[in-house]
PDB file of N, CA and C in Angstrom:
ATOM      1  N   MET A   1      84.122  34.048  87.339  1.00  0.00           N
ATOM      2  CA  MET A   1      83.248  32.833  87.440  1.00  0.00           C
ATOM      3  C   MET A   1      81.393  32.846  85.998  1.00  0.00           C
ATOM      4  N   ASP A   2      80.997  31.704  86.261  1.00  0.00           N
ATOM      5  CA  ASP A   2      79.662  32.061  84.973  1.00  0.00           C
ATOM      6  C   ASP A   2      78.667  31.640  85.783  1.00  0.00           C
ATOM      7  N   PHE A   3      78.271  32.596  86.417  1.00  0.00           N
ATOM      8  CA  PHE A   3      76.935  32.797  86.950  1.00  0.00           C
ATOM      9  C   PHE A   3      75.992  32.611  86.317  1.00  0.00           C
ATOM     10  N   MET A   4      75.161  31.243  86.883  1.00  0.00           N
ATOM     11  CA  MET A   4      73.992  31.335  85.530  1.00  0.00           C
ATOM     12  C   MET A   4      72.538  31.813  86.587  1.00  0.00           C
ATOM     13  N   LYS A   5      71.616  32.828  86.088  1.00  0.00           N
ATOM     14  CA  LYS A   5      70.707  33.902  86.685  1.00  0.00           C
ATOM     15  C   LYS A   5      69.269  32.856  86.221  1.00  0.00           C
ATOM     16  N   VAL A   6      68.714  32.805  87.452  1.00  0.00           N
ATOM     17  CA  VAL A   6      67.135  32.227  87.558  1.00  0.00           C
ATOM     18  C   VAL A   6      66.461  33.197  87.658  1.00  0.00           C
ATOM     19  N   LYS A   7      64.795  32.519  87.404  1.00  0.00           N
ATOM     20  CA  LYS A   7      63.970  33.599  87.882  1.00  0.00           C
ATOM     21  C   LYS A   7      63.064  32.267  88.918  1.00  0.00           C
ATOM     22  N   ASP A   8      62.781  33.867  90.361  1.00  0.00           N
ATOM     23  CA  ASP A   8      61.878  33.281  91.180  1.00  0.00           C
ATOM     24  C   ASP A   8      60.847  33.358  90.855  1.00  0.00           C
ATOM     25  N   PRO A   9      59.876  32.172  90.647  1.00  0.00           N
ATOM     26  CA  PRO A   9      58.848  32.776  89.660  1.00  0.00           C
ATOM     27  C   PRO A   9      57.641  32.979  91.242  1.00  0.00           C
ATOM     28  N   VAL A  10      57.557  33.481  92.186  1.00  0.00           N
ATOM     29  CA  VAL A  10      56.848  33.721  92.850  1.00  0.00           C
ATOM     30  C   VAL A  10      56.639  35.938  92.390  1.00  0.00           C
ATOM     31  N   CYS A  11      58.010  36.161  92.457  1.00  0.00           N
ATOM     32  CA  CYS A  11      57.726  37.783  92.618  1.00  0.00           C
ATOM     33  C   CYS A  11      58.451  38.151  91.173  1.00  0.00           C
ATOM     34  N   GLY A  12      59.071  37.209  90.435  1.00  0.00           N
ATOM     35  CA  GLY A  12      59.637  37.396  88.983  1.00  0.00           C
ATOM     36  C   GLY A  12      61.078  38.370  88.902  1.00  0.00           C
ATOM     37  N   MET A  13      61.723  38.153  90.185  1.00  0.00           N
ATOM     38  CA  MET A  13      62.708  38.943  89.994  1.00  0.00           C
ATOM     39  C   MET A  13      63.862  37.908  89.799  1.00  0.00           C
ATOM     40  N   LYS A  14      65.052  38.129  89.134  1.00  0.00           N
ATOM     41  CA  LYS A  14      66.164  37.346  88.295  1.00  0.00           C
ATOM     42  C   LYS A  14      67.411  37.295  90.025  1.00  0.00           C
ATOM     43  N   ILE A  15      67.905  36.496  89.577  1.00  0.00           N
ATOM     44  CA  ILE A  15      68.607  36.531  90.802  1.00  0.00           C
ATOM     45  C   ILE A  15      69.541  34.674  90.592  1.00  0.00           C
ATOM     46  N   GLU A  16      71.031  35.212  90.640  1.00  0.00           N
ATOM     47  CA  GLU A  16      71.969  34.350  90.830  1.00  0.00           C
ATOM     48  C   GLU A  16      71.670  32.589  91.325  1.00  0.00           C
ATOM     49  N   LYS A  17      71.523  31.865  90.206  1.00  0.00           N
ATOM     50  CA  LYS A  17      71.536  30.351  91.012  1.00  0.00           C
ATOM     51  C   LYS A  17      72.111  30.786  92.713  1.00  0.00           C
ATOM     52  N   GLU A  18      73.639  30.409  92.497  1.00  0.00           N
ATOM     53  CA  GLU A  18      74.253  30.882  94.013  1.00  0.00           C
ATOM     54  C   GLU A  18      74.052  31.750  95.013  1.00  0.00           C
ATOM     55  N   GLU A  19      73.229  32.164  94.427  1.00  0.00           N
ATOM     56  CA  GLU A  19      72.657  32.976  95.377  1.00  0.00           C
ATOM     57  C   GLU A  19      71.092  32.753  96.220  1.00  0.00           C
ATOM     58  N   ALA A  20      70.859  32.371  95.252  1.00  0.00           N
ATOM     59  CA  ALA A  20      69.224  31.900  95.986  1.00  0.00           C
ATOM     60  C   ALA A  20      69.713  31.613  97.361  1.00  0.00           C
ATOM     61  N   VAL A  21      68.178  32.098  98.143  1.00  0.00           N
ATOM     62  CA  VAL A  21      68.323  31.783  99.717  1.00  0.00           C
ATOM     63  C   VAL A  21      67.290  30.995  99.910  1.00  0.00           C
ATOM     64  N   GLU A  22      66.667  29.893  98.953  1.00  0.00           N
ATOM     65  CA  GLU A  22      65.973  28.611  99.235  1.00  0.00           C
ATOM     66  C   GLU A  22      65.885  27.950  97.728  1.00  0.00           C
ATOM     67  N   LYS A  23      66.002  26.382  97.778  1.00  0.00           N
ATOM     68  CA  LYS A  23      65.472  25.818  96.395  1.00  0.00           C
ATOM     69  C   LYS A  23      64.860  24.772  97.148  1.00  0.00           C
ATOM     70  N   VAL A  24      63.491  24.986  96.045  1.00  0.00           N
ATOM     71  CA  VAL A  24      62.632  23.562  96.097  1.00  0.00           C
ATOM     72  C   VAL A  24      62.390  22.815  94.900  1.00  0.00           C
ATOM     73  N   GLU A  25      62.040  21.479  95.079  1.00  0.00           N
ATOM     74  CA  GLU A  25      62.130  20.646  93.792  1.00  0.00           C
ATOM     75  C   GLU A  25      60.431  20.497  93.855  1.00  0.00           C
ATOM     76  N   TYR A  26      59.772  20.754  93.024  1.00  0.00           N
ATOM     77  CA  TYR A  26      58.249  20.682  92.971  1.00  0.00           C
ATOM     78  C   TYR A  26      57.811  20.182  91.186  1.00  0.00           C
ATOM     79  N   MET A  27      58.164  18.665  91.770  1.00  0.00           N
ATOM     80  CA  MET A  27      57.214  17.445  89.842  1.00  0.00           C
ATOM     81  C   MET A  27      58.267  18.158  89.252  1.00  0.00           C
ATOM     82  N   GLY A  28      59.727  17.539  89.790  1.00  0.00           N
ATOM     83  CA  GLY A  28      60.124  17.449  88.931  1.00  0.00           C
ATOM     84  C   GLY A  28      61.483  17.752  88.947  1.00  0.00           C
ATOM     85  N   LYS A  29      61.351  19.589  88.972  1.00  0.00           N
ATOM     86  CA  LYS A  29      61.789  20.626  88.347  1.00  0.00           C
ATOM     87  C   LYS A  29      62.675  21.708  89.885  1.00  0.00           C
ATOM     88  N   GLU A  30      63.707  22.039  89.543  1.00  0.00           N
ATOM     89  CA  GLU A  30      63.772  23.259  90.531  1.00  0.00           C
ATOM     90  C   GLU A  30      63.505  24.891  90.536  1.00  0.00           C
ATOM     91  N   TYR A  31      63.569  25.163  91.958  1.00  0.00           N
ATOM     92  CA  TYR A  31      62.995  26.773  91.680  1.00  0.00           C
ATOM     93  C   TYR A  31      63.938  27.020  93.072  1.00  0.00           C
ATOM     94  N   TYR A  32      63.868  28.434  92.271  1.00  0.00           N
ATOM     95  CA  TYR A  32      65.042  29.584  93.494  1.00  0.00           C
ATOM     96  C   TYR A  32      64.377  30.289  94.100  1.00  0.00           C
ATOM     97  N   PHE A  33      64.582  31.260  94.847  1.00  0.00           N
ATOM     98  CA  PHE A  33      64.194  32.340  95.705  1.00  0.00           C
ATOM     99  C   PHE A  33      64.722  32.633  95.990  1.00  0.00           C
ATOM    100  N   CYS A  34      64.464  34.188  95.835  1.00  0.00           N
ATOM    101  CA  CYS A  34      65.503  35.615  95.818  1.00  0.00           C
ATOM    102  C   CYS A  34      65.199  36.090  98.130  1.00  0.00           C
ATOM    103  N   SER A  35      64.022  35.070  98.371  1.00  0.00           N
ATOM    104  CA  SER A  35      64.025  35.558  99.959  1.00  0.00           C
ATOM    105  C   SER A  35      62.666  34.044 100.501  1.00  0.00           C
ATOM    106  N   GLN A  36      63.113  34.076 101.799  1.00  0.00           N
ATOM    107  CA  GLN A  36      62.339  33.097 101.778  1.00  0.00           C
ATOM    108  C   GLN A  36      60.171  33.393 101.643  1.00  0.00           C
ATOM    109  N   GLU A  37      60.565  34.739 102.486  1.00  0.00           N
ATOM    110  CA  GLU A  37      59.096  34.632 102.084  1.00  0.00           C
ATOM    111  C   GLU A  37      58.695  34.133 100.505  1.00  0.00           C
ATOM    112  N   CYS A  38      59.041  34.430  99.221  1.00  0.00           N
ATOM    113  CA  CYS A  38      58.841  33.937  98.258  1.00  0.00           C
ATOM    114  C   CYS A  38      58.679  32.533  98.630  1.00  0.00           C
ATOM    115  N   ALA A  39      59.776  31.676  98.767  1.00  0.00           N
ATOM    116  CA  ALA A  39      59.644  30.311  99.487  1.00  0.00           C
ATOM    117  C   ALA A  39      58.870  29.678  99.995  1.00  0.00           C
ATOM    118  N   GLU A  40      58.151  30.602 101.036  1.00  0.00           N
ATOM    119  CA  GLU A  40      56.985  29.909 101.241  1.00  0.00           C
ATOM    120  C   GLU A  40      55.565  30.411 101.230  1.00  0.00           C
ATOM    121  N   LYS A  41      55.344  31.230 100.381  1.00  0.00           N
ATOM    122  CA  LYS A  41      54.052  31.164  99.643  1.00  0.00           C
ATOM    123  C   LYS A  41      53.994  30.456  98.232  1.00  0.00           C
ATOM    124  N   PHE A  42      55.980  29.764  97.527  1.00  0.00           N
ATOM    125  CA  PHE A  42      55.495  29.232  96.999  1.00  0.00           C
ATOM    126  C   PHE A  42      55.298  27.666  97.301  1.00  0.00           C
ATOM    127  N   LYS A  43      55.193  27.488  98.839  1.00  0.00           N
ATOM    128  CA  LYS A  43      55.203  26.383  99.331  1.00  0.00           C
ATOM    129  C   LYS A  43      54.099  26.258  99.484  1.00  0.00           C
ATOM    130  N   ASP A  44      53.209  26.834  99.980  1.00  0.00           N
ATOM    131  CA  ASP A  44      52.228  27.061 100.575  1.00  0.00           C
ATOM    132  C   ASP A  44      50.907  26.684  99.186  1.00  0.00           C
ATOM    133  N   ASN A  45      51.581  27.130  97.809  1.00  0.00           N
ATOM    134  CA  ASN A  45      50.709  26.625  96.818  1.00  0.00           C
ATOM    135  C   ASN A  45      51.185  26.913  95.650  1.00  0.00           C
ATOM    136  N   PRO A  46      52.146  26.032  95.852  1.00  0.00           N
ATOM    137  CA  PRO A  46      53.461  25.545  94.758  1.00  0.00           C
ATOM    138  C   PRO A  46      52.139  25.831  93.250  1.00  0.00           C
ATOM    139  N   GLU A  47      51.322  25.347  93.144  1.00  0.00           N
ATOM    140  CA  GLU A  47      50.461  24.988  91.596  1.00  0.00           C
ATOM    141  C   GLU A  47      50.149  26.338  90.938  1.00  0.00           C
ATOM    142  N   GLN A  48      50.087  27.641  92.062  1.00  0.00           N
ATOM    143  CA  GLN A  48      50.022  28.920  91.584  1.00  0.00           C
ATOM    144  C   GLN A  48      50.830  29.079  90.900  1.00  0.00           C
ATOM    145  N   TYR A  49      52.411  29.193  91.492  1.00  0.00           N
ATOM    146  CA  TYR A  49      52.915  29.410  90.778  1.00  0.00           C
ATOM    147  C   TYR A  49      53.958  28.780  89.558  1.00  0.00           C
ATOM    148  N   ALA A  50      54.161  27.731  89.888  1.00  0.00           N
ATOM    149  CA  ALA A  50      55.055  26.362  88.905  1.00  0.00           C
ATOM    150  C   ALA A  50      54.564  26.722  87.422  1.00  0.00           C
ATOM    151  N   HIS A  51      53.195  27.325  87.249  1.00  0.00           N
ATOM    152  CA  HIS A  51      52.736  26.614  86.032  1.00  0.00           C
ATOM    153  C   HIS A  51      52.555  28.377  85.184  1.00  0.00           C
ATOM    154  N   ARG A  52      53.251  29.358  86.043  1.00  0.00           N
ATOM    155  CA  ARG A  52      52.945  30.733  85.577  1.00  0.00           C
ATOM    156  C   ARG A  52      53.989  31.200  84.081  1.00  0.00           C
ATOM    157  N   GLY A  53      54.868  30.352  83.667  1.00  0.00           N
ATOM    158  CA  GLY A  53      54.761  30.800  82.733  1.00  0.00           C
ATOM    159  C   GLY A  53      55.480  32.154  83.296  1.00  0.00           C
ATOM    160  N   LYS A  54      56.015  32.961  82.256  1.00  0.00           N
ATOM    161  CA  LYS A  54      56.556  34.665  81.861  1.00  0.00           C
ATOM    162  C   LYS A  54      55.573  35.578  82.897  1.00  0.00           C
ATOM    163  N   SER A  55      55.898  35.843  83.432  1.00  0.00           N
ATOM    164  CA  SER A  55      55.274  36.781  84.522  1.00  0.00           C
ATOM    165  C   SER A  55      55.483  38.251  84.423  1.00  0.00           C
ATOM    166  N   ARG A  56      54.805  38.960  84.906  1.00  0.00           N
ATOM    167  CA  ARG A  56      55.874  40.815  84.657  1.00  0.00           C
ATOM    168  C   ARG A  56      55.181  41.597  85.426  1.00  0.00           C
ATOM    169  N   GLY A  57      56.627  42.073  86.534  1.00  0.00           N
ATOM    170  CA  GLY A  57      56.104  42.391  87.660  1.00  0.00           C
ATOM    171  C   GLY A  57      56.889  41.877  88.711  1.00  0.00           C
ATOM    172  N   HIS A  58      57.595  42.582  89.578  1.00  0.00           N
ATOM    173  CA  HIS A  58      57.141  41.283  91.437  1.00  0.00           C
ATOM    174  C   HIS A  58      55.919  41.726  91.888  1.00  0.00           C
ATOM    175  N   GLY A  59      55.716  40.185  91.885  1.00  0.00           N
ATOM    176  CA  GLY A  59      54.908  39.559  92.973  1.00  0.00           C
ATOM    177  C   GLY A  59      54.319  39.802  94.347  1.00  0.00           C
ATOM    178  N   CYS A  60      55.581  39.567  94.607  1.00  0.00           N
ATOM    179  CA  CYS A  60      55.318  39.953  96.506  1.00  0.00           C
ATOM    180  C   CYS A  60      55.900  40.731  97.366  1.00  0.00           C
ATOM    181  N   CYS A  61      57.441  40.876  96.938  1.00  0.00           N
ATOM    182  CA  CYS A  61      58.305  41.899  98.758  1.00  0.00           C
ATOM    183  C   CYS A  61      58.791  42.742  97.481  1.00  0.00           C
ATOM    184  N   HIS A  62      59.042  42.672  96.781  1.00  0.00           N
ATOM    185  CA  HIS A  62      59.872  43.891  96.351  1.00  0.00           C
ATOM    186  C   HIS A  62      59.354  45.356  95.297  1.00  0.00           C
TER     187      HIS A  62
END
């Protein structure tokens, strides 16, 4: 199988797209999350995370 890695915009963790706990669409783009906690943080303030670009390190739960 060819799995695609994606980056959780909240904590920066790279995960397999197929293993994401949740997916959220915001402004026409799909965001994938490693945990429900990260997904909830994103939903509470998507603007803070959607335009982060490349973040360094983990920001929330790891």
